[in-house]
PDB file of N, CA and C in Angstrom:
ATOM      1  N   UNK A   1      24.122  13.065 -30.461  1.00  0.00           N
ATOM      2  CA  UNK A   1      23.338  13.635 -29.585  1.00  0.00           C
ATOM      3  C   UNK A   1      23.578  15.223 -29.052  1.00  0.00           C
ATOM      4  N   UNK A   2      21.811  15.617 -28.750  1.00  0.00           N
ATOM      5  CA  UNK A   2      21.975  16.880 -28.162  1.00  0.00           C
ATOM      6  C   UNK A   2      22.774  17.118 -26.918  1.00  0.00           C
ATOM      7  N   UNK A   3      24.042  17.850 -27.241  1.00  0.00           N
ATOM      8  CA  UNK A   3      24.475  18.018 -25.450  1.00  0.00           C
ATOM      9  C   UNK A   3      23.496  18.262 -24.500  1.00  0.00           C
ATOM     10  N   UNK A   4      22.427  19.380 -24.451  1.00  0.00           N
ATOM     11  CA  UNK A   4      21.938  19.800 -23.279  1.00  0.00           C
ATOM     12  C   UNK A   4      20.679  18.665 -23.269  1.00  0.00           C
ATOM     13  N   UNK A   5      20.547  17.717 -24.090  1.00  0.00           N
ATOM     14  CA  UNK A   5      19.676  16.386 -23.610  1.00  0.00           C
ATOM     15  C   UNK A   5      20.363  15.736 -22.792  1.00  0.00           C
ATOM     16  N   UNK A   6      21.353  15.265 -23.513  1.00  0.00           N
ATOM     17  CA  UNK A   6      22.459  14.390 -22.946  1.00  0.00           C
ATOM     18  C   UNK A   6      22.622  14.783 -21.312  1.00  0.00           C
ATOM     19  N   UNK A   7      22.952  16.111 -21.202  1.00  0.00           N
ATOM     20  CA  UNK A   7      23.244  16.628 -19.655  1.00  0.00           C
ATOM     21  C   UNK A   7      21.965  16.667 -18.841  1.00  0.00           C
ATOM     22  N   UNK A   8      20.912  16.991 -19.456  1.00  0.00           N
ATOM     23  CA  UNK A   8      19.428  16.693 -18.889  1.00  0.00           C
ATOM     24  C   UNK A   8      19.464  15.410 -18.454  1.00  0.00           C
ATOM     25  N   UNK A   9      19.430  14.301 -19.171  1.00  0.00           N
ATOM     26  CA  UNK A   9      19.558  12.650 -19.065  1.00  0.00           C
ATOM     27  C   UNK A   9      20.230  12.569 -18.124  1.00  0.00           C
ATOM     28  N   UNK A  10      21.634  12.925 -17.928  1.00  0.00           N
ATOM     29  CA  UNK A  10      22.790  12.858 -16.799  1.00  0.00           C
ATOM     30  C   UNK A  10      22.279  13.053 -15.605  1.00  0.00           C
ATOM     31  N   UNK A  11      21.760  14.308 -15.669  1.00  0.00           N
ATOM     32  CA  UNK A  11      21.335  15.027 -14.265  1.00  0.00           C
ATOM     33  C   UNK A  11      19.991  14.161 -13.885  1.00  0.00           C
ATOM     34  N   UNK A  12      19.248  13.958 -14.502  1.00  0.00           N
ATOM     35  CA  UNK A  12      17.813  13.159 -14.261  1.00  0.00           C
ATOM     36  C   UNK A  12      18.330  11.296 -13.895  1.00  0.00           C
ATOM     37  N   UNK A  13      19.272  10.888 -14.520  1.00  0.00           N
ATOM     38  CA  UNK A  13      19.739   9.694 -13.978  1.00  0.00           C
ATOM     39  C   UNK A  13      20.226   9.575 -12.394  1.00  0.00           C
ATOM     40  N   UNK A  14      21.353  10.797 -12.143  1.00  0.00           N
ATOM     41  CA  UNK A  14      22.216  10.784 -11.103  1.00  0.00           C
ATOM     42  C   UNK A  14      21.100  11.525 -10.057  1.00  0.00           C
ATOM     43  N   UNK A  15      20.099  11.931 -10.342  1.00  0.00           N
ATOM     44  CA  UNK A  15      18.863  12.423  -9.112  1.00  0.00           C
ATOM     45  C   UNK A  15      18.231  11.408  -8.366  1.00  0.00           C
ATOM     46  N   UNK A  16      17.964  10.079  -9.730  1.00  0.00           N
ATOM     47  CA  UNK A  16      17.184   9.111  -9.314  1.00  0.00           C
ATOM     48  C   UNK A  16      18.271   8.425  -8.324  1.00  0.00           C
ATOM     49  N   UNK A  17      19.016   7.935  -8.945  1.00  0.00           N
ATOM     50  CA  UNK A  17      19.917   7.425  -8.073  1.00  0.00           C
ATOM     51  C   UNK A  17      20.225   8.022  -6.560  1.00  0.00           C
ATOM     52  N   UNK A  18      20.762   8.817  -6.418  1.00  0.00           N
ATOM     53  CA  UNK A  18      20.758   9.562  -4.993  1.00  0.00           C
ATOM     54  C   UNK A  18      19.220   9.798  -4.190  1.00  0.00           C
ATOM     55  N   UNK A  19      18.072   9.458  -4.927  1.00  0.00           N
ATOM     56  CA  UNK A  19      16.637   9.462  -4.156  1.00  0.00           C
ATOM     57  C   UNK A  19      16.941   7.792  -4.204  1.00  0.00           C
ATOM     58  N   UNK A  20      17.117   6.789  -5.124  1.00  0.00           N
ATOM     59  CA  UNK A  20      16.886   5.170  -4.132  1.00  0.00           C
ATOM     60  C   UNK A  20      18.228   5.155  -3.313  1.00  0.00           C
ATOM     61  N   UNK A  21      18.863   5.730  -3.338  1.00  0.00           N
ATOM     62  CA  UNK A  21      20.155   5.634  -2.070  1.00  0.00           C
ATOM     63  C   UNK A  21      19.975   5.984  -1.043  1.00  0.00           C
ATOM     64  N   UNK A  22      18.960   6.954  -0.910  1.00  0.00           N
ATOM     65  CA  UNK A  22      18.451   7.515   0.402  1.00  0.00           C
ATOM     66  C   UNK A  22      17.335   6.632   1.064  1.00  0.00           C
ATOM     67  N   UNK A  23      16.694   6.241   0.142  1.00  0.00           N
ATOM     68  CA  UNK A  23      15.262   5.650   0.342  1.00  0.00           C
ATOM     69  C   UNK A  23      16.241   4.357   1.171  1.00  0.00           C
ATOM     70  N   UNK A  24      16.672   3.592   0.548  1.00  0.00           N
ATOM     71  CA  UNK A  24      17.635   2.538   0.838  1.00  0.00           C
ATOM     72  C   UNK A  24      18.197   2.682   2.239  1.00  0.00           C
ATOM     73  N   UNK A  25      18.782   3.857   2.484  1.00  0.00           N
ATOM     74  CA  UNK A  25      19.171   4.170   3.874  1.00  0.00           C
ATOM     75  C   UNK A  25      17.918   4.101   4.938  1.00  0.00           C
ATOM     76  N   UNK A  26      17.060   4.462   4.595  1.00  0.00           N
ATOM     77  CA  UNK A  26      15.563   4.734   5.311  1.00  0.00           C
ATOM     78  C   UNK A  26      15.058   3.525   5.611  1.00  0.00           C
ATOM     79  N   UNK A  27      15.111   2.684   4.588  1.00  0.00           N
ATOM     80  CA  UNK A  27      14.603   0.990   4.573  1.00  0.00           C
ATOM     81  C   UNK A  27      15.425   0.591   5.907  1.00  0.00           C
ATOM     82  N   UNK A  28      16.964   0.717   5.495  1.00  0.00           N
ATOM     83  CA  UNK A  28      17.717  -0.095   6.428  1.00  0.00           C
ATOM     84  C   UNK A  28      17.488   0.357   7.418  1.00  0.00           C
ATOM     85  N   UNK A  29      17.259   1.644   7.688  1.00  0.00           N
ATOM     86  CA  UNK A  29      17.118   2.115   9.454  1.00  0.00           C
ATOM     87  C   UNK A  29      15.890   1.629  10.282  1.00  0.00           C
ATOM     88  N   UNK A  30      14.776   1.574   9.060  1.00  0.00           N
ATOM     89  CA  UNK A  30      13.551   0.836   9.413  1.00  0.00           C
ATOM     90  C   UNK A  30      13.403  -0.405   9.929  1.00  0.00           C
ATOM     91  N   UNK A  31      14.272  -1.633   8.905  1.00  0.00           N
ATOM     92  CA  UNK A  31      14.265  -2.354   9.354  1.00  0.00           C
ATOM     93  C   UNK A  31      14.989  -2.697  10.656  1.00  0.00           C
ATOM     94  N   UNK A  32      16.104  -2.235  10.723  1.00  0.00           N
ATOM     95  CA  UNK A  32      16.771  -2.282  11.963  1.00  0.00           C
ATOM     96  C   UNK A  32      16.029  -1.905  13.512  1.00  0.00           C
ATOM     97  N   UNK A  33      15.303  -0.941  13.145  1.00  0.00           N
ATOM     98  CA  UNK A  33      14.331  -0.870  14.349  1.00  0.00           C
ATOM     99  C   UNK A  33      13.509  -1.727  14.271  1.00  0.00           C
ATOM    100  N   UNK A  34      13.047  -2.514  13.858  1.00  0.00           N
ATOM    101  CA  UNK A  34      12.114  -3.419  14.058  1.00  0.00           C
ATOM    102  C   UNK A  34      10.862  -3.182  13.437  1.00  0.00           C
ATOM    103  N   UNK A  35      10.850  -2.316  12.325  1.00  0.00           N
ATOM    104  CA  UNK A  35       9.923  -1.609  11.328  1.00  0.00           C
ATOM    105  C   UNK A  35       9.412   0.077  11.697  1.00  0.00           C
ATOM    106  N   UNK A  36       8.671   0.358  10.835  1.00  0.00           N
ATOM    107  CA  UNK A  36       8.655   2.100  11.080  1.00  0.00           C
ATOM    108  C   UNK A  36       6.874   2.199  11.744  1.00  0.00           C
ATOM    109  N   UNK A  37       6.296   1.565  11.983  1.00  0.00           N
ATOM    110  CA  UNK A  37       5.085   1.564  12.337  1.00  0.00           C
ATOM    111  C   UNK A  37       3.854   1.401  11.722  1.00  0.00           C
ATOM    112  N   UNK A  38       4.244   1.691  10.168  1.00  0.00           N
ATOM    113  CA  UNK A  38       2.779   1.684   9.454  1.00  0.00           C
ATOM    114  C   UNK A  38       3.191   0.284   8.498  1.00  0.00           C
ATOM    115  N   UNK A  39       4.491  -0.255   8.231  1.00  0.00           N
ATOM    116  CA  UNK A  39       5.189  -1.458   7.493  1.00  0.00           C
ATOM    117  C   UNK A  39       5.774  -2.107   8.248  1.00  0.00           C
ATOM    118  N   UNK A  40       5.605  -3.537   7.865  1.00  0.00           N
ATOM    119  CA  UNK A  40       6.255  -4.849   8.680  1.00  0.00           C
ATOM    120  C   UNK A  40       7.638  -4.721   8.066  1.00  0.00           C
ATOM    121  N   UNK A  41       8.432  -5.560   8.689  1.00  0.00           N
ATOM    122  CA  UNK A  41       9.796  -5.471   8.559  1.00  0.00           C
ATOM    123  C   UNK A  41       9.857  -6.172   7.432  1.00  0.00           C
ATOM    124  N   UNK A  42       9.030  -7.687   6.719  1.00  0.00           N
ATOM    125  CA  UNK A  42       8.829  -8.215   5.851  1.00  0.00           C
ATOM    126  C   UNK A  42       8.680  -7.405   4.695  1.00  0.00           C
ATOM    127  N   UNK A  43       7.902  -6.389   4.650  1.00  0.00           N
ATOM    128  CA  UNK A  43       7.479  -5.557   3.701  1.00  0.00           C
ATOM    129  C   UNK A  43       8.824  -4.793   3.128  1.00  0.00           C
ATOM    130  N   UNK A  44       9.225  -4.093   4.432  1.00  0.00           N
ATOM    131  CA  UNK A  44      10.388  -3.052   4.314  1.00  0.00           C
ATOM    132  C   UNK A  44      11.607  -4.038   3.419  1.00  0.00           C
ATOM    133  N   UNK A  45      11.963  -5.163   4.193  1.00  0.00           N
ATOM    134  CA  UNK A  45      12.738  -5.719   3.434  1.00  0.00           C
ATOM    135  C   UNK A  45      12.552  -6.419   1.787  1.00  0.00           C
ATOM    136  N   UNK A  46      11.337  -6.209   1.551  1.00  0.00           N
ATOM    137  CA  UNK A  46      11.082  -6.441  -0.153  1.00  0.00           C
ATOM    138  C   UNK A  46      11.164  -5.360  -0.854  1.00  0.00           C
ATOM    139  N   UNK A  47      11.012  -3.927  -0.295  1.00  0.00           N
ATOM    140  CA  UNK A  47      11.003  -2.815  -0.653  1.00  0.00           C
ATOM    141  C   UNK A  47      12.390  -2.605  -1.161  1.00  0.00           C
ATOM    142  N   UNK A  48      13.219  -2.825   0.429  1.00  0.00           N
ATOM    143  CA  UNK A  48      14.545  -2.709   0.026  1.00  0.00           C
ATOM    144  C   UNK A  48      15.039  -3.615  -1.242  1.00  0.00           C
ATOM    145  N   UNK A  49      14.847  -4.697  -1.492  1.00  0.00           N
ATOM    146  CA  UNK A  49      15.172  -5.479  -2.888  1.00  0.00           C
ATOM    147  C   UNK A  49      14.904  -5.163  -4.018  1.00  0.00           C
ATOM    148  N   UNK A  50      13.668  -4.724  -4.065  1.00  0.00           N
ATOM    149  CA  UNK A  50      13.303  -3.686  -4.953  1.00  0.00           C
ATOM    150  C   UNK A  50      13.693  -2.769  -5.408  1.00  0.00           C
ATOM    151  N   UNK A  51      14.159  -1.816  -4.322  1.00  0.00           N
ATOM    152  CA  UNK A  51      14.827  -0.730  -4.690  1.00  0.00           C
ATOM    153  C   UNK A  51      16.304  -1.042  -5.297  1.00  0.00           C
ATOM    154  N   UNK A  52      17.466  -2.095  -4.548  1.00  0.00           N
ATOM    155  CA  UNK A  52      18.436  -2.357  -4.694  1.00  0.00           C
ATOM    156  C   UNK A  52      18.487  -2.898  -6.214  1.00  0.00           C
ATOM    157  N   UNK A  53      17.421  -3.516  -6.526  1.00  0.00           N
ATOM    158  CA  UNK A  53      17.591  -3.750  -8.247  1.00  0.00           C
ATOM    159  C   UNK A  53      17.083  -2.474  -8.974  1.00  0.00           C
ATOM    160  N   UNK A  54      16.591  -1.736  -8.856  1.00  0.00           N
ATOM    161  CA  UNK A  54      16.198  -0.779  -9.439  1.00  0.00           C
ATOM    162  C   UNK A  54      17.706   0.407  -9.479  1.00  0.00           C
ATOM    163  N   UNK A  55      18.132   0.021  -8.570  1.00  0.00           N
ATOM    164  CA  UNK A  55      19.200   1.343  -8.320  1.00  0.00           C
ATOM    165  C   UNK A  55      20.446   0.645  -9.359  1.00  0.00           C
ATOM    166  N   UNK A  56      20.282  -0.628  -9.595  1.00  0.00           N
ATOM    167  CA  UNK A  56      21.515  -1.281 -10.687  1.00  0.00           C
ATOM    168  C   UNK A  56      20.813  -0.961 -11.854  1.00  0.00           C
ATOM    169  N   UNK A  57      19.589  -0.733 -12.020  1.00  0.00           N
ATOM    170  CA  UNK A  57      19.281  -0.216 -13.466  1.00  0.00           C
ATOM    171  C   UNK A  57      19.679   0.941 -13.928  1.00  0.00           C
ATOM    172  N   UNK A  58      19.438   1.852 -12.586  1.00  0.00           N
ATOM    173  CA  UNK A  58      19.638   3.606 -12.710  1.00  0.00           C
ATOM    174  C   UNK A  58      21.093   3.623 -13.090  1.00  0.00           C
ATOM    175  N   UNK A  59      22.040   2.877 -12.465  1.00  0.00           N
ATOM    176  CA  UNK A  59      23.490   3.040 -12.593  1.00  0.00           C
ATOM    177  C   UNK A  59      23.801   2.816 -13.785  1.00  0.00           C
ATOM    178  N   UNK A  60      23.272   1.385 -14.507  1.00  0.00           N
ATOM    179  CA  UNK A  60      23.441   1.075 -15.562  1.00  0.00           C
ATOM    180  C   UNK A  60      23.453   2.170 -16.948  1.00  0.00           C
ATOM    181  N   UNK A  61      21.890   2.495 -16.463  1.00  0.00           N
ATOM    182  CA  UNK A  61      21.318   3.926 -17.303  1.00  0.00           C
ATOM    183  C   UNK A  61      22.487   5.036 -17.466  1.00  0.00           C
ATOM    184  N   UNK A  62      23.122   5.687 -16.196  1.00  0.00           N
ATOM    185  CA  UNK A  62      23.881   6.637 -16.244  1.00  0.00           C
ATOM    186  C   UNK A  62      25.202   6.129 -16.544  1.00  0.00           C
ATOM    187  N   UNK A  63      25.284   5.238 -16.901  1.00  0.00           N
ATOM    188  CA  UNK A  63      27.015   4.272 -17.297  1.00  0.00           C
ATOM    189  C   UNK A  63      26.938   4.875 -18.911  1.00  0.00           C
ATOM    190  N   UNK A  64      25.540   4.145 -19.407  1.00  0.00           N
ATOM    191  CA  UNK A  64      25.270   4.372 -20.728  1.00  0.00           C
ATOM    192  C   UNK A  64      25.213   5.965 -21.083  1.00  0.00           C
ATOM    193  N   UNK A  65      24.899   6.816 -20.395  1.00  0.00           N
ATOM    194  CA  UNK A  65      24.727   8.080 -20.475  1.00  0.00           C
ATOM    195  C   UNK A  65      26.370   8.348 -21.090  1.00  0.00           C
ATOM    196  N   UNK A  66      26.494   8.551 -19.758  1.00  0.00           N
ATOM    197  CA  UNK A  66      28.404   8.862 -19.577  1.00  0.00           C
ATOM    198  C   UNK A  66      29.279   8.310 -20.841  1.00  0.00           C
ATOM    199  N   UNK A  67      28.953   7.281 -21.401  1.00  0.00           N
ATOM    200  CA  UNK A  67      30.042   6.577 -22.154  1.00  0.00           C
ATOM    201  C   UNK A  67      29.077   7.054 -23.794  1.00  0.00           C
ATOM    202  N   UNK A  68      28.018   7.356 -23.836  1.00  0.00           N
ATOM    203  CA  UNK A  68      27.610   7.908 -24.995  1.00  0.00           C
ATOM    204  C   UNK A  68      28.571   9.066 -25.598  1.00  0.00           C
ATOM    205  N   UNK A  69      28.863   9.276 -27.100  1.00  0.00           N
ATOM    206  CA  UNK A  69      29.254  10.087 -27.749  1.00  0.00           C
ATOM    207  C   UNK A  69      28.832  10.915 -28.052  1.00  0.00           C
TER     208      UNK A  69
END
């Protein structure tokens, strides 16, 4: 695979992982605070569970990119 494309894919995957991790921290903080004033705690928990699955997916993608020769 083209080295430049692989490097771009790697950066994109790790940027997405970082963003999801940041979102998850925010969701956890807002859940602990009893909501964020816009979204209910139940909705925040749903968003957090969804994001946790998304994070696992992107971690898997990043792993595949790393092991691709």
